[in-house]
Amino acid sequence: PLLLVHGMADDNVLFTNSTKLMAELQNRGTQFE
């Protein structure tokens, strides 16, 4: 089980890092929180 957390205005580690991960996990059918 994974809990993924990110600020939606992060200008250091851009939110794109997590949105890309969300899509990759969804394409694999991997559930996460």
Full PDB file with SEQRES, HELIX, SHEET, SSBOND, CRYST1, ORIGX, SCALE, CONECT and MASTER records, all heavy atoms in Angstrom:
SEQRES   1 A   33  PRO LEU LEU LEU VAL HIS GLY MET ALA ASP ASP ASN VAL          
SEQRES   2 A   33  LEU PHE THR ASN SER THR LYS LEU MET ALA GLU LEU GLN          
SEQRES   3 A   33  ASN ARG GLY THR GLN PHE GLU                                  
HELIX    1 AA1 THR A   16  ARG A   28  1                                  13    
CRYST1    1.000    1.000    1.000  90.00  90.00  90.00 P 1           1          
ORIGX1      1.000000  0.000000  0.000000        0.00000                         
ORIGX2      0.000000  1.000000  0.000000        0.00000                         
ORIGX3      0.000000  0.000000  1.000000        0.00000                         
SCALE1      1.000000  0.000000  0.000000        0.00000                         
SCALE2      0.000000  1.000000  0.000000        0.00000                         
SCALE3      0.000000  0.000000  1.000000        0.00000                         
ATOM      1  N   PRO A   1       0.818  -1.216   0.000  1.00  0.00           N  
ATOM      2  CA  PRO A   1       0.000   0.000   0.000  1.00  0.00           C  
ATOM      3  C   PRO A   1       0.851   1.266   0.000  1.00  0.00           C  
ATOM      4  O   PRO A   1       1.842   1.368   0.736  1.00  0.00           O  
ATOM      5  CB  PRO A   1      -0.801  -0.114   1.302  1.00  0.00           C  
ATOM      6  CG  PRO A   1      -0.863  -1.577   1.585  1.00  0.00           C  
ATOM      7  CD  PRO A   1       0.436  -2.130   1.107  1.00  0.00           C  
ATOM      8  N   LEU A   2       0.455   2.224  -0.829  1.00  0.00           N  
ATOM      9  CA  LEU A   2       1.152   3.497  -0.969  1.00  0.00           C  
ATOM     10  C   LEU A   2       0.192   4.639  -0.695  1.00  0.00           C  
ATOM     11  O   LEU A   2      -0.924   4.671  -1.219  1.00  0.00           O  
ATOM     12  CB  LEU A   2       1.716   3.646  -2.384  1.00  0.00           C  
ATOM     13  CG  LEU A   2       2.158   5.057  -2.808  1.00  0.00           C  
ATOM     14  CD1 LEU A   2       3.379   5.512  -2.000  1.00  0.00           C  
ATOM     15  CD2 LEU A   2       2.443   5.125  -4.309  1.00  0.00           C  
ATOM     16  N   LEU A   3       0.641   5.596   0.106  1.00  0.00           N  
ATOM     17  CA  LEU A   3      -0.025   6.882   0.251  1.00  0.00           C  
ATOM     18  C   LEU A   3       0.868   7.929  -0.395  1.00  0.00           C  
ATOM     19  O   LEU A   3       1.999   8.141   0.039  1.00  0.00           O  
ATOM     20  CB  LEU A   3      -0.264   7.214   1.728  1.00  0.00           C  
ATOM     21  CG  LEU A   3      -0.744   8.651   2.024  1.00  0.00           C  
ATOM     22  CD1 LEU A   3      -2.079   8.947   1.344  1.00  0.00           C  
ATOM     23  CD2 LEU A   3      -0.838   8.875   3.534  1.00  0.00           C  
ATOM     24  N   LEU A   4       0.372   8.572  -1.444  1.00  0.00           N  
ATOM     25  CA  LEU A   4       1.105   9.602  -2.176  1.00  0.00           C  
ATOM     26  C   LEU A   4       0.552  10.966  -1.794  1.00  0.00           C  
ATOM     27  O   LEU A   4      -0.664  11.186  -1.828  1.00  0.00           O  
ATOM     28  CB  LEU A   4       0.954   9.372  -3.679  1.00  0.00           C  
ATOM     29  CG  LEU A   4       1.583  10.412  -4.623  1.00  0.00           C  
ATOM     30  CD1 LEU A   4       3.101  10.439  -4.467  1.00  0.00           C  
ATOM     31  CD2 LEU A   4       1.207  10.107  -6.076  1.00  0.00           C  
ATOM     32  N   VAL A   5       1.442  11.904  -1.431  1.00  0.00           N  
ATOM     33  CA  VAL A   5       1.040  13.234  -0.970  1.00  0.00           C  
ATOM     34  C   VAL A   5       1.860  14.284  -1.715  1.00  0.00           C  
ATOM     35  O   VAL A   5       3.071  14.124  -1.885  1.00  0.00           O  
ATOM     36  CB  VAL A   5       1.281  13.382   0.547  1.00  0.00           C  
ATOM     37  CG1 VAL A   5       0.893  14.781   1.024  1.00  0.00           C  
ATOM     38  CG2 VAL A   5       0.518  12.320   1.330  1.00  0.00           C  
ATOM     39  N   HIS A   6       1.195  15.364  -2.160  1.00  0.00           N  
ATOM     40  CA  HIS A   6       1.933  16.431  -2.851  1.00  0.00           C  
ATOM     41  C   HIS A   6       1.164  17.743  -2.749  1.00  0.00           C  
ATOM     42  O   HIS A   6      -0.071  17.762  -2.812  1.00  0.00           O  
ATOM     43  CB  HIS A   6       2.124  16.082  -4.329  1.00  0.00           C  
ATOM     44  CG  HIS A   6       3.438  16.543  -4.881  1.00  0.00           C  
ATOM     45  ND1 HIS A   6       4.323  15.711  -5.529  1.00  0.00           N  
ATOM     46  CD2 HIS A   6       4.053  17.760  -4.872  1.00  0.00           C  
ATOM     47  CE1 HIS A   6       5.403  16.371  -5.904  1.00  0.00           C  
ATOM     48  NE2 HIS A   6       5.249  17.627  -5.518  1.00  0.00           N  
ATOM     49  N   GLY A   7       1.896  18.843  -2.596  1.00  0.00           N  
ATOM     50  CA  GLY A   7       1.310  20.173  -2.677  1.00  0.00           C  
ATOM     51  C   GLY A   7       1.062  20.546  -4.123  1.00  0.00           C  
ATOM     52  O   GLY A   7       1.901  20.315  -4.993  1.00  0.00           O  
ATOM     53  N   MET A   8      -0.073  21.168  -4.393  1.00  0.00           N  
ATOM     54  CA  MET A   8      -0.477  21.431  -5.771  1.00  0.00           C  
ATOM     55  C   MET A   8       0.107  22.733  -6.329  1.00  0.00           C  
ATOM     56  O   MET A   8      -0.184  23.101  -7.466  1.00  0.00           O  
ATOM     57  CB  MET A   8      -2.006  21.439  -5.863  1.00  0.00           C  
ATOM     58  CG  MET A   8      -2.629  20.122  -5.416  1.00  0.00           C  
ATOM     59  SD  MET A   8      -4.437  20.126  -5.393  1.00  0.00           S  
ATOM     60  CE  MET A   8      -4.786  19.831  -7.132  1.00  0.00           C  
ATOM     61  N   ALA A   9       0.938  23.406  -5.517  1.00  0.00           N  
ATOM     62  CA  ALA A   9       1.639  24.600  -6.001  1.00  0.00           C  
ATOM     63  C   ALA A   9       3.130  24.480  -5.702  1.00  0.00           C  
ATOM     64  O   ALA A   9       3.819  25.491  -5.543  1.00  0.00           O  
ATOM     65  CB  ALA A   9       1.054  25.851  -5.358  1.00  0.00           C  
ATOM     66  N   ASP A  10       3.626  23.263  -5.660  1.00  0.00           N  
ATOM     67  CA  ASP A  10       5.036  23.010  -5.357  1.00  0.00           C  
ATOM     68  C   ASP A  10       5.893  23.477  -6.529  1.00  0.00           C  
ATOM     69  O   ASP A  10       5.746  22.989  -7.647  1.00  0.00           O  
ATOM     70  CB  ASP A  10       5.237  21.507  -5.112  1.00  0.00           C  
ATOM     71  CG  ASP A  10       6.595  21.164  -4.512  1.00  0.00           C  
ATOM     72  OD1 ASP A  10       7.543  21.934  -4.732  1.00  0.00           O  
ATOM     73  OD2 ASP A  10       6.696  20.120  -3.855  1.00  0.00           O  
ATOM     74  N   ASP A  11       6.813  24.431  -6.267  1.00  0.00           N  
ATOM     75  CA  ASP A  11       7.689  24.914  -7.337  1.00  0.00           C  
ATOM     76  C   ASP A  11       9.117  24.411  -7.156  1.00  0.00           C  
ATOM     77  O   ASP A  11      10.027  24.875  -7.833  1.00  0.00           O  
ATOM     78  CB  ASP A  11       7.667  26.437  -7.430  1.00  0.00           C  
ATOM     79  CG  ASP A  11       8.163  27.118  -6.163  1.00  0.00           C  
ATOM     80  OD1 ASP A  11       8.374  26.417  -5.152  1.00  0.00           O  
ATOM     81  OD2 ASP A  11       8.335  28.350  -6.174  1.00  0.00           O  
ATOM     82  N   ASN A  12       9.320  23.475  -6.253  1.00  0.00           N  
ATOM     83  CA  ASN A  12      10.618  22.832  -6.083  1.00  0.00           C  
ATOM     84  C   ASN A  12      10.569  21.452  -6.732  1.00  0.00           C  
ATOM     85  O   ASN A  12      11.116  21.232  -7.808  1.00  0.00           O  
ATOM     86  CB  ASN A  12      10.967  22.752  -4.593  1.00  0.00           C  
ATOM     87  CG  ASN A  12      12.293  22.080  -4.329  1.00  0.00           C  
ATOM     88  OD1 ASN A  12      12.993  21.672  -5.242  1.00  0.00           O  
ATOM     89  ND2 ASN A  12      12.648  21.929  -3.073  1.00  0.00           N  
ATOM     90  N   VAL A  13       9.918  20.508  -6.081  1.00  0.00           N  
ATOM     91  CA  VAL A  13       9.619  19.233  -6.745  1.00  0.00           C  
ATOM     92  C   VAL A  13       8.252  19.425  -7.390  1.00  0.00           C  
ATOM     93  O   VAL A  13       7.223  19.363  -6.726  1.00  0.00           O  
ATOM     94  CB  VAL A  13       9.605  18.061  -5.744  1.00  0.00           C  
ATOM     95  CG1 VAL A  13       9.248  16.760  -6.456  1.00  0.00           C  
ATOM     96  CG2 VAL A  13      10.957  17.916  -5.059  1.00  0.00           C  
ATOM     97  N   LEU A  14       8.253  19.684  -8.679  1.00  0.00           N  
ATOM     98  CA  LEU A  14       7.028  20.073  -9.366  1.00  0.00           C  
ATOM     99  C   LEU A  14       5.957  18.991  -9.243  1.00  0.00           C  
ATOM    100  O   LEU A  14       6.249  17.790  -9.231  1.00  0.00           O  
ATOM    101  CB  LEU A  14       7.316  20.362 -10.840  1.00  0.00           C  
ATOM    102  CG  LEU A  14       8.380  21.432 -11.120  1.00  0.00           C  
ATOM    103  CD1 LEU A  14       8.543  21.638 -12.618  1.00  0.00           C  
ATOM    104  CD2 LEU A  14       8.044  22.742 -10.424  1.00  0.00           C  
ATOM    105  N   PHE A  15       4.710  19.438  -9.147  1.00  0.00           N  
ATOM    106  CA  PHE A  15       3.568  18.528  -9.005  1.00  0.00           C  
ATOM    107  C   PHE A  15       3.518  17.516 -10.145  1.00  0.00           C  
ATOM    108  O   PHE A  15       2.974  16.419 -10.013  1.00  0.00           O  
ATOM    109  CB  PHE A  15       2.283  19.357  -8.946  1.00  0.00           C  
ATOM    110  CG  PHE A  15       1.043  18.580  -8.584  1.00  0.00           C  
ATOM    111  CD1 PHE A  15       1.059  17.622  -7.578  1.00  0.00           C  
ATOM    112  CD2 PHE A  15      -0.154  18.819  -9.247  1.00  0.00           C  
ATOM    113  CE1 PHE A  15      -0.092  16.917  -7.239  1.00  0.00           C  
ATOM    114  CE2 PHE A  15      -1.303  18.120  -8.916  1.00  0.00           C  
ATOM    115  CZ  PHE A  15      -1.275  17.169  -7.918  1.00  0.00           C  
ATOM    116  N   THR A  16       4.139  17.871 -11.276  1.00  0.00           N  
ATOM    117  CA  THR A  16       4.203  16.965 -12.424  1.00  0.00           C  
ATOM    118  C   THR A  16       4.819  15.623 -12.052  1.00  0.00           C  
ATOM    119  O   THR A  16       4.458  14.585 -12.619  1.00  0.00           O  
ATOM    120  CB  THR A  16       5.034  17.609 -13.557  1.00  0.00           C  
ATOM    121  OG1 THR A  16       4.555  18.920 -13.802  1.00  0.00           O  
ATOM    122  CG2 THR A  16       4.977  16.785 -14.827  1.00  0.00           C  
ATOM    123  N   ASN A  17       5.763  15.627 -11.106  1.00  0.00           N  
ATOM    124  CA  ASN A  17       6.351  14.364 -10.662  1.00  0.00           C  
ATOM    125  C   ASN A  17       5.280  13.395 -10.190  1.00  0.00           C  
ATOM    126  O   ASN A  17       5.333  12.196 -10.494  1.00  0.00           O  
ATOM    127  CB  ASN A  17       7.357  14.619  -9.533  1.00  0.00           C  
ATOM    128  CG  ASN A  17       8.683  15.143 -10.026  1.00  0.00           C  
ATOM    129  OD1 ASN A  17       9.575  14.376 -10.372  1.00  0.00           O  
ATOM    130  ND2 ASN A  17       8.823  16.460 -10.060  1.00  0.00           N  
ATOM    131  N   SER A  18       4.312  13.902  -9.426  1.00  0.00           N  
ATOM    132  CA  SER A  18       3.274  13.021  -8.894  1.00  0.00           C  
ATOM    133  C   SER A  18       2.170  12.745  -9.907  1.00  0.00           C  
ATOM    134  O   SER A  18       1.621  11.640  -9.941  1.00  0.00           O  
ATOM    135  CB  SER A  18       2.683  13.615  -7.606  1.00  0.00           C  
ATOM    136  OG  SER A  18       3.545  13.367  -6.504  1.00  0.00           O  
ATOM    137  N   THR A  19       1.819  13.734 -10.744  1.00  0.00           N  
ATOM    138  CA  THR A  19       0.776  13.455 -11.732  1.00  0.00           C  
ATOM    139  C   THR A  19       1.245  12.399 -12.729  1.00  0.00           C  
ATOM    140  O   THR A  19       0.475  11.539 -13.162  1.00  0.00           O  
ATOM    141  CB  THR A  19       0.360  14.742 -12.473  1.00  0.00           C  
ATOM    142  OG1 THR A  19       1.502  15.339 -13.094  1.00  0.00           O  
ATOM    143  CG2 THR A  19      -0.276  15.729 -11.515  1.00  0.00           C  
ATOM    144  N   LYS A  20       2.517  12.448 -13.089  1.00  0.00           N  
ATOM    145  CA  LYS A  20       3.060  11.425 -13.983  1.00  0.00           C  
ATOM    146  C   LYS A  20       3.039  10.051 -13.313  1.00  0.00           C  
ATOM    147  O   LYS A  20       2.713   9.036 -13.946  1.00  0.00           O  
ATOM    148  CB  LYS A  20       4.481  11.799 -14.399  1.00  0.00           C  
ATOM    149  CG  LYS A  20       5.064  10.923 -15.497  1.00  0.00           C  
ATOM    150  CD  LYS A  20       6.419  11.446 -15.968  1.00  0.00           C  
ATOM    151  CE  LYS A  20       7.002  10.536 -17.063  1.00  0.00           C  
ATOM    152  NZ  LYS A  20       8.330  11.010 -17.528  1.00  0.00           N  
ATOM    153  N   LEU A  21       3.356  10.022 -12.017  1.00  0.00           N  
ATOM    154  CA  LEU A  21       3.306   8.757 -11.273  1.00  0.00           C  
ATOM    155  C   LEU A  21       1.878   8.230 -11.186  1.00  0.00           C  
ATOM    156  O   LEU A  21       1.638   7.028 -11.354  1.00  0.00           O  
ATOM    157  CB  LEU A  21       3.882   8.952  -9.871  1.00  0.00           C  
ATOM    158  CG  LEU A  21       3.825   7.734  -8.948  1.00  0.00           C  
ATOM    159  CD1 LEU A  21       4.647   6.580  -9.508  1.00  0.00           C  
ATOM    160  CD2 LEU A  21       4.297   8.098  -7.535  1.00  0.00           C  
ATOM    161  N   MET A  22       0.920   9.115 -10.923  1.00  0.00           N  
ATOM    162  CA  MET A  22      -0.480   8.690 -10.863  1.00  0.00           C  
ATOM    163  C   MET A  22      -0.879   7.982 -12.148  1.00  0.00           C  
ATOM    164  O   MET A  22      -1.489   6.906 -12.128  1.00  0.00           O  
ATOM    165  CB  MET A  22      -1.395   9.906 -10.652  1.00  0.00           C  
ATOM    166  CG  MET A  22      -1.250  10.629  -9.343  1.00  0.00           C  
ATOM    167  SD  MET A  22      -2.280  12.127  -9.391  1.00  0.00           S  
ATOM    168  CE  MET A  22      -1.346  13.199  -8.300  1.00  0.00           C  
ATOM    169  N   ALA A  23      -0.542   8.605 -13.273  1.00  0.00           N  
ATOM    170  CA  ALA A  23      -0.920   8.026 -14.562  1.00  0.00           C  
ATOM    171  C   ALA A  23      -0.249   6.671 -14.780  1.00  0.00           C  
ATOM    172  O   ALA A  23      -0.882   5.713 -15.261  1.00  0.00           O  
ATOM    173  CB  ALA A  23      -0.562   8.986 -15.691  1.00  0.00           C  
ATOM    174  N   GLU A  24       1.034   6.567 -14.443  1.00  0.00           N  
ATOM    175  CA  GLU A  24       1.761   5.306 -14.626  1.00  0.00           C  
ATOM    176  C   GLU A  24       1.150   4.193 -13.776  1.00  0.00           C  
ATOM    177  O   GLU A  24       1.002   3.054 -14.228  1.00  0.00           O  
ATOM    178  CB  GLU A  24       3.237   5.500 -14.273  1.00  0.00           C  
ATOM    179  CG  GLU A  24       4.011   6.380 -15.242  1.00  0.00           C  
ATOM    180  CD  GLU A  24       4.325   5.676 -16.546  1.00  0.00           C  
ATOM    181  OE1 GLU A  24       4.160   4.446 -16.632  1.00  0.00           O  
ATOM    182  OE2 GLU A  24       4.740   6.372 -17.501  1.00  0.00           O  
ATOM    183  N   LEU A  25       0.812   4.511 -12.516  1.00  0.00           N  
ATOM    184  CA  LEU A  25       0.210   3.501 -11.644  1.00  0.00           C  
ATOM    185  C   LEU A  25      -1.182   3.122 -12.126  1.00  0.00           C  
ATOM    186  O   LEU A  25      -1.577   1.941 -12.093  1.00  0.00           O  
ATOM    187  CB  LEU A  25       0.157   4.017 -10.206  1.00  0.00           C  
ATOM    188  CG  LEU A  25       1.514   4.184  -9.501  1.00  0.00           C  
ATOM    189  CD1 LEU A  25       1.325   4.819  -8.128  1.00  0.00           C  
ATOM    190  CD2 LEU A  25       2.232   2.843  -9.361  1.00  0.00           C  
ATOM    191  N   GLN A  26      -1.941   4.095 -12.589  1.00  0.00           N  
ATOM    192  CA  GLN A  26      -3.285   3.810 -13.102  1.00  0.00           C  
ATOM    193  C   GLN A  26      -3.233   2.937 -14.346  1.00  0.00           C  
ATOM    194  O   GLN A  26      -4.039   2.011 -14.512  1.00  0.00           O  
ATOM    195  CB  GLN A  26      -4.014   5.128 -13.375  1.00  0.00           C  
ATOM    196  CG  GLN A  26      -4.373   5.886 -12.105  1.00  0.00           C  
ATOM    197  CD  GLN A  26      -4.640   7.361 -12.339  1.00  0.00           C  
ATOM    198  OE1 GLN A  26      -4.526   7.858 -13.468  1.00  0.00           O  
ATOM    199  NE2 GLN A  26      -4.981   8.078 -11.285  1.00  0.00           N  
ATOM    200  N   ASN A  27      -2.273   3.211 -15.234  1.00  0.00           N  
ATOM    201  CA  ASN A  27      -2.122   2.388 -16.435  1.00  0.00           C  
ATOM    202  C   ASN A  27      -1.791   0.944 -16.092  1.00  0.00           C  
ATOM    203  O   ASN A  27      -2.136   0.018 -16.837  1.00  0.00           O  
ATOM    204  CB  ASN A  27      -1.022   2.960 -17.334  1.00  0.00           C  
ATOM    205  CG  ASN A  27      -1.437   4.256 -18.010  1.00  0.00           C  
ATOM    206  OD1 ASN A  27      -2.629   4.539 -18.135  1.00  0.00           O  
ATOM    207  ND2 ASN A  27      -0.465   5.056 -18.428  1.00  0.00           N  
ATOM    208  N   ARG A  28      -1.111   0.735 -14.963  1.00  0.00           N  
ATOM    209  CA  ARG A  28      -0.758  -0.617 -14.527  1.00  0.00           C  
ATOM    210  C   ARG A  28      -1.859  -1.269 -13.706  1.00  0.00           C  
ATOM    211  O   ARG A  28      -1.741  -2.434 -13.320  1.00  0.00           O  
ATOM    212  CB  ARG A  28       0.527  -0.571 -13.688  1.00  0.00           C  
ATOM    213  CG  ARG A  28       1.798  -0.324 -14.499  1.00  0.00           C  
ATOM    214  CD  ARG A  28       2.983  -0.037 -13.572  1.00  0.00           C  
ATOM    215  NE  ARG A  28       4.264  -0.118 -14.263  1.00  0.00           N  
ATOM    216  CZ  ARG A  28       4.775   0.813 -15.018  1.00  0.00           C  
ATOM    217  NH1 ARG A  28       4.093   1.939 -15.207  1.00  0.00           N  
ATOM    218  NH2 ARG A  28       5.948   0.653 -15.612  1.00  0.00           N  
ATOM    219  N   GLY A  29      -2.889  -0.502 -13.373  1.00  0.00           N  
ATOM    220  CA  GLY A  29      -3.944  -1.032 -12.525  1.00  0.00           C  
ATOM    221  C   GLY A  29      -3.537  -1.123 -11.065  1.00  0.00           C  
ATOM    222  O   GLY A  29      -4.159  -1.850 -10.283  1.00  0.00           O  
ATOM    223  N   THR A  30      -2.496  -0.353 -10.683  1.00  0.00           N  
ATOM    224  CA  THR A  30      -2.003  -0.384  -9.308  1.00  0.00           C  
ATOM    225  C   THR A  30      -2.786   0.609  -8.456  1.00  0.00           C  
ATOM    226  O   THR A  30      -2.813   1.807  -8.747  1.00  0.00           O  
ATOM    227  CB  THR A  30      -0.505  -0.022  -9.263  1.00  0.00           C  
ATOM    228  OG1 THR A  30       0.220  -0.935 -10.092  1.00  0.00           O  
ATOM    229  CG2 THR A  30       0.029  -0.092  -7.836  1.00  0.00           C  
ATOM    230  N   GLN A  31      -3.427   0.117  -7.405  1.00  0.00           N  
ATOM    231  CA  GLN A  31      -4.190   0.983  -6.527  1.00  0.00           C  
ATOM    232  C   GLN A  31      -3.254   1.710  -5.553  1.00  0.00           C  
ATOM    233  O   GLN A  31      -2.223   1.178  -5.134  1.00  0.00           O  
ATOM    234  CB  GLN A  31      -5.215   0.166  -5.738  1.00  0.00           C  
ATOM    235  CG  GLN A  31      -6.276  -0.503  -6.608  1.00  0.00           C  
ATOM    236  CD  GLN A  31      -7.140   0.499  -7.354  1.00  0.00           C  
ATOM    237  OE1 GLN A  31      -7.500   1.557  -6.806  1.00  0.00           O  
ATOM    238  NE2 GLN A  31      -7.491   0.186  -8.598  1.00  0.00           N  
ATOM    239  N   PHE A  32      -3.623   2.937  -5.203  1.00  0.00           N  
ATOM    240  CA  PHE A  32      -2.855   3.716  -4.236  1.00  0.00           C  
ATOM    241  C   PHE A  32      -3.775   4.754  -3.625  1.00  0.00           C  
ATOM    242  O   PHE A  32      -4.852   5.053  -4.165  1.00  0.00           O  
ATOM    243  CB  PHE A  32      -1.650   4.384  -4.894  1.00  0.00           C  
ATOM    244  CG  PHE A  32      -2.006   5.379  -5.981  1.00  0.00           C  
ATOM    245  CD1 PHE A  32      -2.073   6.738  -5.722  1.00  0.00           C  
ATOM    246  CD2 PHE A  32      -2.274   4.936  -7.281  1.00  0.00           C  
ATOM    247  CE1 PHE A  32      -2.407   7.639  -6.725  1.00  0.00           C  
ATOM    248  CE2 PHE A  32      -2.604   5.830  -8.284  1.00  0.00           C  
ATOM    249  CZ  PHE A  32      -2.672   7.188  -8.008  1.00  0.00           C  
ATOM    250  N   GLU A  33      -3.366   5.299  -2.506  1.00  0.00           N  
ATOM    251  CA  GLU A  33      -4.106   6.376  -1.860  1.00  0.00           C  
ATOM    252  C   GLU A  33      -3.415   7.698  -2.164  1.00  0.00           C  
ATOM    253  O   GLU A  33      -2.187   7.748  -2.323  1.00  0.00           O  
ATOM    254  CB  GLU A  33      -4.194   6.140  -0.352  1.00  0.00           C  
ATOM    255  CG  GLU A  33      -4.961   4.872  -0.002  1.00  0.00           C  
ATOM    256  CD  GLU A  33      -5.120   4.677   1.494  1.00  0.00           C  
ATOM    257  OE1 GLU A  33      -5.231   5.692   2.222  1.00  0.00           O  
ATOM    258  OE2 GLU A  33      -5.122   3.513   1.944  1.00  0.00           O  
TER     259      GLU A  33                                                      
MASTER        0    0    0    1    0    0    0    6  258    1    0    3          
END                                                                             
